Amino acid sequence: MKTKCFKINSRSGLVLEGGGMRGVFTCGVLDNFMDRGIRFPYTIGVSAGACNGLSYMSEQRGRAKFSNIDLLDKYHYIGFRHLITKGNIMDFGLLFEEFPNHIIPYDYDKYAQCDERYEMVTTDCATGKACYFEEKSDPKRIIDIVRASSSLPYVCPIAEVDGVKMLDGGIADSLPIERARSLGFDNNVVVLTRNKGYRKRDKLSFVPPFAYRHYPALRDALRCRNMEYNKQIAYIEELEERGEIVVIRPERPIEVGRMERDIKRLQALYDEGYELASKVEFSVE
């Protein structure tokens, strides 16, 4: 990756893709930004990007890495045994209760005091549309939102935000660059968790007949998810070619899976994120 330059101004935003454990790449990028004091007027995160973005917003350098790598090695909170015993492939009690409240406390006060805007993306099960939430004052609601944004279809239970059924934000809006631009933030850095040129299979996805029978709009969104993702990636690459955005992404196809548990692979991907972020030069207009 060649050195890139980015001027931060009042229209600057930071867009964070999800990707499960591939999000450790984003942890590396954000730790680099924190080490250099890089902040954006607006940040938006999806799924794992929403989780990692929260630690960035509270300026807790290393917290997301510690949660995703060190604590995974200690607590083994991902796996099919959790799906069998708890109906969830991840131990959400550990991730969204014990971690932020006791094991690696989240600094809600610091987050509440930050001036920058932060949105997290979820998918409304009834409409199949993306919802964009900002919350700084209510710790319970913050956790409700990030839990919903991270609730993967099929392997995690449906979550609720304000009494509304929600799932993973990546179903409806995996790469919310258009959301950022619609709010006036058209000068963006986008952090992706796949290499350049990556595409999902460009066809309708199979949705089991028994899945989400009471949510037809959600089923439609799941069926179209791959094609929508590919359209968003193509749009991002177009903006990048025009020099309108800066994209930070892995340089080669990565071996880390969405539910990866190999600590060495995760550490290597984190290191790559940190290194590539260091090649972006920032200035303030």
Protein backbone atom coordinates (compact mmCIF):
# COMPACT_ATOMS: atom_id res chain seq x y z
CA MET A 1 0.00 0.00 0.00
CA LYS A 2 1.42 3.34 -1.09
CA THR A 3 1.37 6.26 1.34
CA LYS A 4 -1.95 8.07 1.13
CA CYS A 5 -2.85 11.54 2.31
CA PHE A 6 -6.13 12.55 3.91
CA LYS A 7 -7.26 15.98 5.02
CA ILE A 8 -9.66 15.95 7.97
CA ASN A 9 -12.31 18.65 7.91
CA SER A 10 -15.85 19.20 9.14
CA ARG A 11 -17.16 16.86 6.41
CA SER A 12 -14.90 13.94 7.31
CA GLY A 13 -16.23 10.54 8.31
CA LEU A 14 -14.94 7.10 9.20
CA VAL A 15 -16.83 4.01 7.96
CA LEU A 16 -16.14 0.66 9.66
CA GLU A 17 -17.15 -2.61 8.02
CA GLY A 18 -18.01 -5.69 10.09
CA GLY A 19 -16.84 -9.21 9.32
CA GLY A 20 -16.81 -11.05 12.64
CA MET A 21 -13.29 -11.86 13.80
CA ARG A 22 -11.88 -10.30 10.64
CA GLY A 23 -12.63 -7.10 12.54
CA VAL A 24 -9.29 -7.45 14.33
CA PHE A 25 -7.89 -5.77 11.22
CA THR A 26 -10.02 -2.75 12.16
CA CYS A 27 -8.74 -2.98 15.76
CA GLY A 28 -5.22 -2.48 14.41
CA VAL A 29 -6.30 0.48 12.29
CA LEU A 30 -8.11 2.17 15.17
CA ASP A 31 -5.27 1.61 17.65
CA ASN A 32 -2.95 3.30 15.16
CA PHE A 33 -5.37 6.22 14.88
CA MET A 34 -5.53 6.52 18.67
CA ASP A 35 -1.76 6.42 18.97
CA ARG A 36 -1.64 9.41 16.59
CA GLY A 37 -4.64 11.28 17.98
CA ILE A 38 -6.64 10.89 14.75
CA ARG A 39 -10.34 11.70 15.22
CA PHE A 40 -13.23 12.22 12.81
CA PRO A 41 -16.34 14.39 13.24
CA TYR A 42 -18.45 11.35 12.35
CA THR A 43 -17.94 7.58 12.60
CA ILE A 44 -20.30 4.77 11.67
CA GLY A 45 -19.80 1.09 12.46
CA VAL A 46 -21.55 -2.14 11.48
CA SER A 47 -21.55 -5.39 13.48
CA ALA A 48 -17.94 -6.05 14.58
CA GLY A 49 -17.15 -2.56 13.31
CA ALA A 50 -19.74 -1.16 15.73
CA CYS A 51 -18.13 -3.03 18.64
CA ASN A 52 -14.60 -1.95 17.79
CA GLY A 53 -15.74 1.59 17.06
CA LEU A 54 -17.12 1.97 20.57
CA SER A 55 -13.66 1.50 22.08
CA TYR A 56 -12.30 4.03 19.58
CA MET A 57 -14.94 6.56 20.57
CA SER A 58 -14.09 6.18 24.28
CA GLU A 59 -10.36 6.39 23.42
CA GLN A 60 -9.60 3.05 25.11
CA ARG A 61 -6.54 2.12 23.12
CA GLY A 62 -5.98 -1.67 22.99
CA ARG A 63 -9.35 -2.52 24.50
CA ALA A 64 -10.86 -3.95 21.30
CA LYS A 65 -7.72 -5.99 20.59
CA PHE A 66 -7.71 -7.33 24.15
CA SER A 67 -11.38 -8.32 23.81
CA ASN A 68 -10.97 -9.96 20.41
CA ILE A 69 -7.65 -11.75 20.88
CA ASP A 70 -6.48 -12.05 24.49
CA LEU A 71 -9.90 -12.72 26.01
CA LEU A 72 -10.89 -15.07 23.18
CA ASP A 73 -7.81 -17.13 24.02
CA LYS A 74 -8.80 -17.15 27.69
CA TYR A 75 -12.58 -17.57 27.55
CA HIS A 76 -13.20 -19.30 24.17
CA TYR A 77 -16.44 -17.38 23.77
CA ILE A 78 -17.07 -18.44 20.15
CA GLY A 79 -18.05 -21.93 19.01
CA PHE A 80 -20.79 -24.37 18.20
CA ARG A 81 -20.92 -25.58 21.80
CA HIS A 82 -22.39 -22.17 22.65
CA LEU A 83 -24.90 -22.56 19.82
CA ILE A 84 -25.95 -25.95 21.15
CA THR A 85 -26.08 -25.02 24.83
CA LYS A 86 -27.26 -21.40 24.62
CA GLY A 87 -28.75 -21.00 21.16
CA ASN A 88 -26.06 -18.48 20.24
CA ILE A 89 -22.73 -19.16 18.56
CA MET A 90 -21.17 -16.50 20.82
CA ASP A 91 -21.41 -16.08 24.57
CA PHE A 92 -23.27 -12.78 24.56
CA GLY A 93 -23.55 -12.76 28.35
CA LEU A 94 -19.78 -12.64 28.53
CA LEU A 95 -19.34 -10.25 25.60
CA PHE A 96 -22.01 -7.68 26.45
CA GLU A 97 -22.33 -7.97 30.22
CA GLU A 98 -19.20 -9.31 31.89
CA PHE A 99 -16.68 -7.70 29.52
CA PRO A 100 -17.99 -4.10 29.50
CA ASN A 101 -19.09 -4.08 33.14
CA HIS A 102 -16.40 -6.06 34.95
CA ILE A 103 -13.59 -7.73 32.99
CA ILE A 104 -12.56 -4.84 30.73
CA PRO A 105 -14.86 -1.97 31.76
CA TYR A 106 -16.15 0.35 29.09
CA ASP A 107 -15.63 4.06 29.79
CA TYR A 108 -19.20 5.28 29.32
CA ASP A 109 -18.33 8.68 30.79
CA LYS A 110 -15.55 9.28 28.27
CA TYR A 111 -17.84 8.26 25.44
CA ALA A 112 -20.62 10.54 26.68
CA GLN A 113 -18.21 13.49 26.76
CA CYS A 114 -16.78 13.08 23.25
CA ASP A 115 -17.92 15.70 20.74
CA GLU A 116 -17.85 13.47 17.66
CA ARG A 117 -20.93 11.70 16.34
CA TYR A 118 -21.09 7.91 16.33
CA GLU A 119 -23.74 5.74 14.65
CA MET A 120 -24.24 1.99 14.86
CA VAL A 121 -26.21 0.07 12.24
CA THR A 122 -28.83 -2.61 12.87
CA THR A 123 -31.44 -4.32 10.69
CA ASP A 124 -35.13 -4.04 11.57
CA CYS A 125 -36.59 -7.56 11.30
CA ALA A 126 -40.07 -6.29 10.40
CA THR A 127 -39.00 -4.00 7.57
CA GLY A 128 -35.70 -5.53 6.48
CA LYS A 129 -34.29 -1.99 6.44
CA ALA A 130 -31.24 -0.53 8.14
CA CYS A 131 -31.62 1.49 11.33
CA TYR A 132 -28.99 3.99 12.42
CA PHE A 133 -28.65 4.67 16.13
CA GLU A 134 -26.79 7.31 18.10
CA GLU A 135 -26.69 6.91 21.87
CA LYS A 136 -24.26 8.31 24.43
CA SER A 137 -26.17 8.81 27.66
CA ASP A 138 -27.83 5.44 28.37
CA PRO A 139 -25.37 2.55 28.94
CA LYS A 140 -28.08 -0.11 28.67
CA ARG A 141 -29.31 1.23 25.35
CA ILE A 142 -25.74 1.45 24.03
CA ILE A 143 -25.29 -2.25 24.77
CA ASP A 144 -28.70 -3.11 23.31
CA ILE A 145 -27.75 -1.39 20.05
CA VAL A 146 -24.28 -2.92 19.69
CA ARG A 147 -25.64 -6.34 20.64
CA ALA A 148 -28.29 -6.07 17.93
CA SER A 149 -25.75 -4.85 15.37
CA SER A 150 -23.64 -7.94 16.14
CA SER A 151 -26.47 -10.51 16.16
CA LEU A 152 -25.64 -12.62 13.13
CA PRO A 153 -28.55 -14.23 11.29
CA TYR A 154 -29.21 -17.94 11.87
CA VAL A 155 -26.59 -18.39 14.62
CA CYS A 156 -27.61 -15.63 17.07
CA PRO A 157 -31.03 -14.93 18.59
CA ILE A 158 -33.02 -11.91 17.51
CA ALA A 159 -32.21 -8.90 19.70
CA GLU A 160 -34.31 -5.89 20.66
CA VAL A 161 -33.70 -2.14 20.65
CA ASP A 162 -36.48 -0.04 22.16
CA GLY A 163 -38.73 -3.09 21.99
CA VAL A 164 -38.17 -3.54 18.23
CA LYS A 165 -36.79 -6.83 16.89
CA MET A 166 -33.35 -6.33 15.37
CA LEU A 167 -30.47 -8.30 13.84
CA ASP A 168 -26.99 -7.70 12.40
CA GLY A 169 -26.66 -4.35 10.65
CA GLY A 170 -24.70 -6.00 7.86
CA ILE A 171 -27.86 -7.64 6.53
CA ALA A 172 -29.31 -4.32 5.34
CA ASP A 173 -26.25 -2.04 5.09
CA SER A 174 -22.86 -3.73 5.24
CA LEU A 175 -20.91 -0.70 4.04
CA PRO A 176 -22.77 2.46 5.06
CA ILE A 177 -20.84 4.92 2.91
CA GLU A 178 -24.07 6.28 1.43
CA ARG A 179 -25.43 6.88 4.94
CA ALA A 180 -22.35 8.97 5.78
CA ARG A 181 -22.63 10.96 2.57
CA SER A 182 -26.36 11.54 3.04
CA LEU A 183 -25.57 13.30 6.34
CA GLY A 184 -23.08 15.60 4.66
CA PHE A 185 -19.94 13.62 5.47
CA ASP A 186 -18.58 13.15 1.95
CA ASN A 187 -14.87 13.12 2.83
CA ASN A 188 -14.39 9.63 4.19
CA VAL A 189 -11.92 6.99 5.27
CA VAL A 190 -13.39 3.52 4.80
CA VAL A 191 -11.97 0.52 6.67
CA LEU A 192 -12.74 -2.78 4.95
CA THR A 193 -11.99 -6.28 6.21
CA ARG A 194 -11.54 -7.89 2.79
CA ASN A 195 -8.87 -7.39 0.15
CA LYS A 196 -9.37 -5.27 -2.96
CA GLY A 197 -11.40 -7.02 -5.63
CA TYR A 198 -13.26 -9.28 -3.20
CA ARG A 199 -16.84 -10.03 -4.15
CA LYS A 200 -19.51 -12.29 -2.72
CA ARG A 201 -21.26 -14.75 -5.02
CA ASP A 202 -23.45 -12.51 -7.15
CA LYS A 203 -26.70 -14.38 -6.84
CA LEU A 204 -29.64 -14.66 -4.48
CA SER A 205 -28.75 -16.36 -1.21
CA PHE A 206 -30.68 -19.39 -0.02
CA VAL A 207 -32.87 -18.75 3.01
CA PRO A 208 -34.18 -21.91 4.68
CA PRO A 209 -38.00 -22.13 4.57
CA PHE A 210 -38.19 -22.38 8.37
CA ALA A 211 -36.00 -19.30 9.00
CA TYR A 212 -37.71 -16.05 10.03
CA ARG A 213 -41.11 -17.12 8.68
CA HIS A 214 -42.78 -14.22 10.47
CA TYR A 215 -40.42 -11.67 8.91
CA PRO A 216 -40.85 -11.77 5.11
CA ALA A 217 -39.02 -8.46 4.57
CA LEU A 218 -36.04 -9.79 6.53
CA ARG A 219 -36.04 -12.94 4.39
CA ASP A 220 -35.95 -10.75 1.27
CA ALA A 221 -33.04 -8.74 2.67
CA LEU A 222 -31.13 -11.94 3.44
CA ARG A 223 -31.73 -13.26 -0.07
CA CYS A 224 -30.43 -10.05 -1.68
CA ARG A 225 -27.57 -9.48 0.75
CA ASN A 226 -24.74 -10.68 -1.50
CA MET A 227 -25.79 -8.60 -4.49
CA GLU A 228 -26.30 -5.49 -2.36
CA TYR A 229 -22.87 -5.96 -0.81
CA ASN A 230 -21.26 -6.24 -4.24
CA LYS A 231 -23.00 -3.03 -5.38
CA GLN A 232 -21.68 -1.20 -2.32
CA ILE A 233 -18.13 -2.48 -2.87
CA ALA A 234 -18.25 -1.39 -6.51
CA TYR A 235 -19.42 2.06 -5.42
CA ILE A 236 -16.61 2.32 -2.86
CA GLU A 237 -14.02 1.32 -5.47
CA GLU A 238 -15.46 3.93 -7.83
CA LEU A 239 -15.17 6.66 -5.19
CA GLU A 240 -11.65 5.49 -4.42
CA GLU A 241 -10.65 5.67 -8.09
CA ARG A 242 -11.98 9.23 -8.25
CA GLY A 243 -9.93 10.16 -5.21
CA GLU A 244 -13.01 11.02 -3.15
CA ILE A 245 -12.28 8.55 -0.32
CA VAL A 246 -9.35 6.72 1.23
CA VAL A 247 -9.76 2.98 1.75
CA ILE A 248 -7.74 0.91 4.21
CA ARG A 249 -8.09 -2.82 3.57
CA PRO A 250 -6.02 -6.02 3.85
CA GLU A 251 -3.56 -6.26 0.96
CA ARG A 252 -4.11 -9.95 0.22
CA PRO A 253 -6.89 -12.51 0.63
CA ILE A 254 -7.04 -13.19 4.35
CA GLU A 255 -7.13 -16.58 6.03
CA VAL A 256 -9.08 -15.39 9.06
CA GLY A 257 -12.68 -16.61 9.08
CA ARG A 258 -15.73 -14.86 10.54
CA MET A 259 -15.55 -17.16 13.59
CA GLU A 260 -11.76 -17.54 13.66
CA ARG A 261 -10.19 -18.86 16.87
CA ASP A 262 -6.54 -19.13 15.80
CA ILE A 263 -4.81 -16.50 17.93
CA LYS A 264 -1.69 -16.28 15.75
CA ARG A 265 -3.76 -15.55 12.65
CA LEU A 266 -5.77 -12.93 14.51
CA GLN A 267 -2.63 -11.24 15.84
CA ALA A 268 -1.12 -11.15 12.33
CA LEU A 269 -4.26 -9.53 10.92
CA TYR A 270 -4.28 -6.96 13.74
CA ASP A 271 -0.63 -6.15 12.99
CA GLU A 272 -1.42 -5.72 9.30
CA GLY A 273 -4.22 -3.28 10.12
CA TYR A 274 -1.92 -1.24 12.34
CA GLU A 275 0.85 -1.18 9.73
CA LEU A 276 -1.39 -0.19 6.81
CA ALA A 277 -3.06 2.57 8.85
CA SER A 278 0.39 4.02 9.55
CA LYS A 279 0.83 4.56 5.81
CA VAL A 280 -1.98 7.10 5.71
CA GLU A 281 -0.80 10.65 6.36
CA PHE A 282 -3.35 12.94 8.03
CA SER A 283 -3.60 16.70 8.15
CA VAL A 284 -6.32 18.99 9.45
CA GLU A 285 -7.89 21.66 7.27
